[in-house]
């Protein structure tokens, strides 16, 4: 799993590339927790490079989202989900829980 970040004002984007499963979930969890501990509560997770997500990956995203939403104006939003990953979100009922956008630009605008 490759994890990169970028920032636009107070919004941070986490770009993930690779399989998001039990072998890689811990590194993503550490990154998201580190950002939350640094008071970065407006986050976008770009899943365009993720071709597989397991329940471990879903659990990491859910935990980070709950923590972000506890803060004023905090949230974790998703962008660019590939079809096969979107199907997992749909089956797990997660698409109703998340704000999902086609592009990072739209996700950034949703915070304003």
C-alpha atoms as a PDB file:
ATOM      1  CA  UNK A   1       0.000   0.000   0.000  1.00  0.00           C
ATOM      2  CA  UNK A   2       1.342   3.366  -0.982  1.00  0.00           C
ATOM      3  CA  UNK A   3       0.036   6.311   1.045  1.00  0.00           C
ATOM      4  CA  UNK A   4       0.585   9.926   0.051  1.00  0.00           C
ATOM      5  CA  UNK A   5      -0.967  13.094   1.394  1.00  0.00           C
ATOM      6  CA  UNK A   6      -1.582  16.586   0.162  1.00  0.00           C
ATOM      7  CA  UNK A   7      -3.127  19.655   1.702  1.00  0.00           C
ATOM      8  CA  UNK A   8      -5.359  22.439   0.463  1.00  0.00           C
ATOM      9  CA  UNK A   9      -5.951  24.875   3.301  1.00  0.00           C
ATOM     10  CA  UNK A  10      -7.380  22.927   6.218  1.00  0.00           C
ATOM     11  CA  UNK A  11      -8.434  19.981   4.040  1.00  0.00           C
ATOM     12  CA  UNK A  12      -6.092  17.023   3.773  1.00  0.00           C
ATOM     13  CA  UNK A  13      -6.283  14.394   1.064  1.00  0.00           C
ATOM     14  CA  UNK A  14      -4.952  10.897   1.674  1.00  0.00           C
ATOM     15  CA  UNK A  15      -4.266   9.050  -1.575  1.00  0.00           C
ATOM     16  CA  UNK A  16      -4.180   5.263  -1.298  1.00  0.00           C
ATOM     17  CA  UNK A  17      -2.773   2.903  -3.913  1.00  0.00           C
ATOM     18  CA  UNK A  18      -2.861  -0.873  -3.706  1.00  0.00           C
ATOM     19  CA  UNK A  19      -4.878  -3.474  -1.834  1.00  0.00           C
ATOM     20  CA  UNK A  20      -6.569  -2.223   1.322  1.00  0.00           C
ATOM     21  CA  UNK A  21      -6.754  -5.430   3.325  1.00  0.00           C
ATOM     22  CA  UNK A  22      -5.654  -6.911   6.641  1.00  0.00           C
ATOM     23  CA  UNK A  23      -2.012  -6.738   5.568  1.00  0.00           C
ATOM     24  CA  UNK A  24      -2.117  -3.006   4.798  1.00  0.00           C
ATOM     25  CA  UNK A  25      -4.920  -1.711   7.017  1.00  0.00           C
ATOM     26  CA  UNK A  26      -2.594  -1.031   9.944  1.00  0.00           C
ATOM     27  CA  UNK A  27      -0.409   1.388   7.964  1.00  0.00           C
ATOM     28  CA  UNK A  28      -3.464   3.304   6.734  1.00  0.00           C
ATOM     29  CA  UNK A  29      -4.878   3.349  10.262  1.00  0.00           C
ATOM     30  CA  UNK A  30      -1.605   4.761  11.619  1.00  0.00           C
ATOM     31  CA  UNK A  31      -1.592   7.499   8.970  1.00  0.00           C
ATOM     32  CA  UNK A  32      -5.210   8.518   9.552  1.00  0.00           C
ATOM     33  CA  UNK A  33      -4.798   8.441  13.341  1.00  0.00           C
ATOM     34  CA  UNK A  34      -1.654  10.546  13.076  1.00  0.00           C
ATOM     35  CA  UNK A  35      -3.532  13.138  11.041  1.00  0.00           C
ATOM     36  CA  UNK A  36      -6.435  13.174  13.496  1.00  0.00           C
ATOM     37  CA  UNK A  37      -4.040  13.557  16.429  1.00  0.00           C
ATOM     38  CA  UNK A  38      -2.556  16.559  14.597  1.00  0.00           C
ATOM     39  CA  UNK A  39      -6.052  18.134  14.493  1.00  0.00           C
ATOM     40  CA  UNK A  40      -6.612  17.449  10.800  1.00  0.00           C
ATOM     41  CA  UNK A  41     -10.332  16.722  10.969  1.00  0.00           C
ATOM     42  CA  UNK A  42     -11.333  17.537   7.369  1.00  0.00           C
ATOM     43  CA  UNK A  43     -10.057  14.649   5.287  1.00  0.00           C
ATOM     44  CA  UNK A  44     -10.630  13.206   1.866  1.00  0.00           C
ATOM     45  CA  UNK A  45      -9.577   9.661   1.086  1.00  0.00           C
ATOM     46  CA  UNK A  46      -8.841   9.167  -2.600  1.00  0.00           C
ATOM     47  CA  UNK A  47      -9.486   5.520  -3.440  1.00  0.00           C
ATOM     48  CA  UNK A  48      -8.788   5.746  -7.171  1.00  0.00           C
ATOM     49  CA  UNK A  49      -5.714   3.526  -6.763  1.00  0.00           C
ATOM     50  CA  UNK A  50      -7.421   0.929  -4.555  1.00  0.00           C
ATOM     51  CA  UNK A  51      -8.589  -2.139  -6.465  1.00  0.00           C
ATOM     52  CA  UNK A  52      -9.580  -4.215  -3.428  1.00  0.00           C
ATOM     53  CA  UNK A  53     -10.867  -3.442   0.063  1.00  0.00           C
ATOM     54  CA  UNK A  54     -11.564  -5.958   2.823  1.00  0.00           C
ATOM     55  CA  UNK A  55     -13.535  -5.651   6.025  1.00  0.00           C
ATOM     56  CA  UNK A  56     -10.294  -4.578   7.738  1.00  0.00           C
ATOM     57  CA  UNK A  57     -10.063  -1.612   5.372  1.00  0.00           C
ATOM     58  CA  UNK A  58     -13.702  -0.715   5.911  1.00  0.00           C
ATOM     59  CA  UNK A  59     -13.173  -0.861   9.676  1.00  0.00           C
ATOM     60  CA  UNK A  60     -10.216   1.562   9.479  1.00  0.00           C
ATOM     61  CA  UNK A  61     -12.222   4.067   7.453  1.00  0.00           C
ATOM     62  CA  UNK A  62     -15.217   3.776   9.770  1.00  0.00           C
ATOM     63  CA  UNK A  63     -13.111   4.371  12.874  1.00  0.00           C
ATOM     64  CA  UNK A  64     -11.381   7.425  11.387  1.00  0.00           C
ATOM     65  CA  UNK A  65     -14.692   8.832  10.187  1.00  0.00           C
ATOM     66  CA  UNK A  66     -16.267   8.542  13.614  1.00  0.00           C
ATOM     67  CA  UNK A  67     -13.298  10.318  15.204  1.00  0.00           C
ATOM     68  CA  UNK A  68     -13.302  13.102  12.597  1.00  0.00           C
ATOM     69  CA  UNK A  69     -17.048  13.680  12.945  1.00  0.00           C
ATOM     70  CA  UNK A  70     -16.698  14.190  16.699  1.00  0.00           C
ATOM     71  CA  UNK A  71     -14.995  17.508  15.936  1.00  0.00           C
ATOM     72  CA  UNK A  72     -16.726  20.669  14.737  1.00  0.00           C
ATOM     73  CA  UNK A  73     -16.942  20.553  10.922  1.00  0.00           C
ATOM     74  CA  UNK A  74     -14.851  17.359  10.852  1.00  0.00           C
ATOM     75  CA  UNK A  75     -15.541  14.602   8.351  1.00  0.00           C
ATOM     76  CA  UNK A  76     -13.889  11.998   6.187  1.00  0.00           C
ATOM     77  CA  UNK A  77     -15.128  11.990   2.611  1.00  0.00           C
ATOM     78  CA  UNK A  78     -14.346   9.544  -0.168  1.00  0.00           C
ATOM     79  CA  UNK A  79     -13.494  10.151  -3.773  1.00  0.00           C
ATOM     80  CA  UNK A  80     -12.828   8.213  -6.956  1.00  0.00           C
ATOM     81  CA  UNK A  81     -13.949   4.775  -5.809  1.00  0.00           C
ATOM     82  CA  UNK A  82     -13.371   2.040  -8.392  1.00  0.00           C
ATOM     83  CA  UNK A  83     -16.382  -0.079  -9.357  1.00  0.00           C
ATOM     84  CA  UNK A  84     -15.320  -3.266  -7.561  1.00  0.00           C
ATOM     85  CA  UNK A  85     -14.551  -1.335  -4.353  1.00  0.00           C
ATOM     86  CA  UNK A  86     -17.842   0.546  -4.638  1.00  0.00           C
ATOM     87  CA  UNK A  87     -19.643  -2.803  -4.753  1.00  0.00           C
ATOM     88  CA  UNK A  88     -18.080  -3.747  -1.405  1.00  0.00           C
ATOM     89  CA  UNK A  89     -19.205  -0.413   0.080  1.00  0.00           C
ATOM     90  CA  UNK A  90     -22.713  -1.007  -1.291  1.00  0.00           C
ATOM     91  CA  UNK A  91     -22.921  -4.563   0.084  1.00  0.00           C
ATOM     92  CA  UNK A  92     -21.699  -3.432   3.507  1.00  0.00           C
ATOM     93  CA  UNK A  93     -24.174  -0.539   3.555  1.00  0.00           C
ATOM     94  CA  UNK A  94     -21.345   1.999   3.796  1.00  0.00           C
ATOM     95  CA  UNK A  95     -22.398   4.160   0.851  1.00  0.00           C
ATOM     96  CA  UNK A  96     -25.247   5.534   2.961  1.00  0.00           C
ATOM     97  CA  UNK A  97     -22.807   6.475   5.709  1.00  0.00           C
ATOM     98  CA  UNK A  98     -20.273   8.321   3.527  1.00  0.00           C
ATOM     99  CA  UNK A  99     -20.316  11.317   1.269  1.00  0.00           C
ATOM    100  CA  UNK A 100     -18.772  10.004  -1.951  1.00  0.00           C
ATOM    101  CA  UNK A 101     -17.551  12.225  -4.795  1.00  0.00           C
ATOM    102  CA  UNK A 102     -16.330  11.580  -8.330  1.00  0.00           C
ATOM    103  CA  UNK A 103     -13.338  13.883  -7.942  1.00  0.00           C
ATOM    104  CA  UNK A 104     -11.137  15.423  -5.301  1.00  0.00           C
ATOM    105  CA  UNK A 105     -12.189  18.881  -6.472  1.00  0.00           C
ATOM    106  CA  UNK A 106     -15.867  18.138  -5.761  1.00  0.00           C
ATOM    107  CA  UNK A 107     -15.003  16.665  -2.369  1.00  0.00           C
ATOM    108  CA  UNK A 108     -12.976  19.768  -1.446  1.00  0.00           C
ATOM    109  CA  UNK A 109     -15.837  22.061  -2.493  1.00  0.00           C
ATOM    110  CA  UNK A 110     -18.250  20.060  -0.342  1.00  0.00           C
ATOM    111  CA  UNK A 111     -16.450  21.250   2.793  1.00  0.00           C
ATOM    112  CA  UNK A 112     -17.219  24.916   2.023  1.00  0.00           C
END
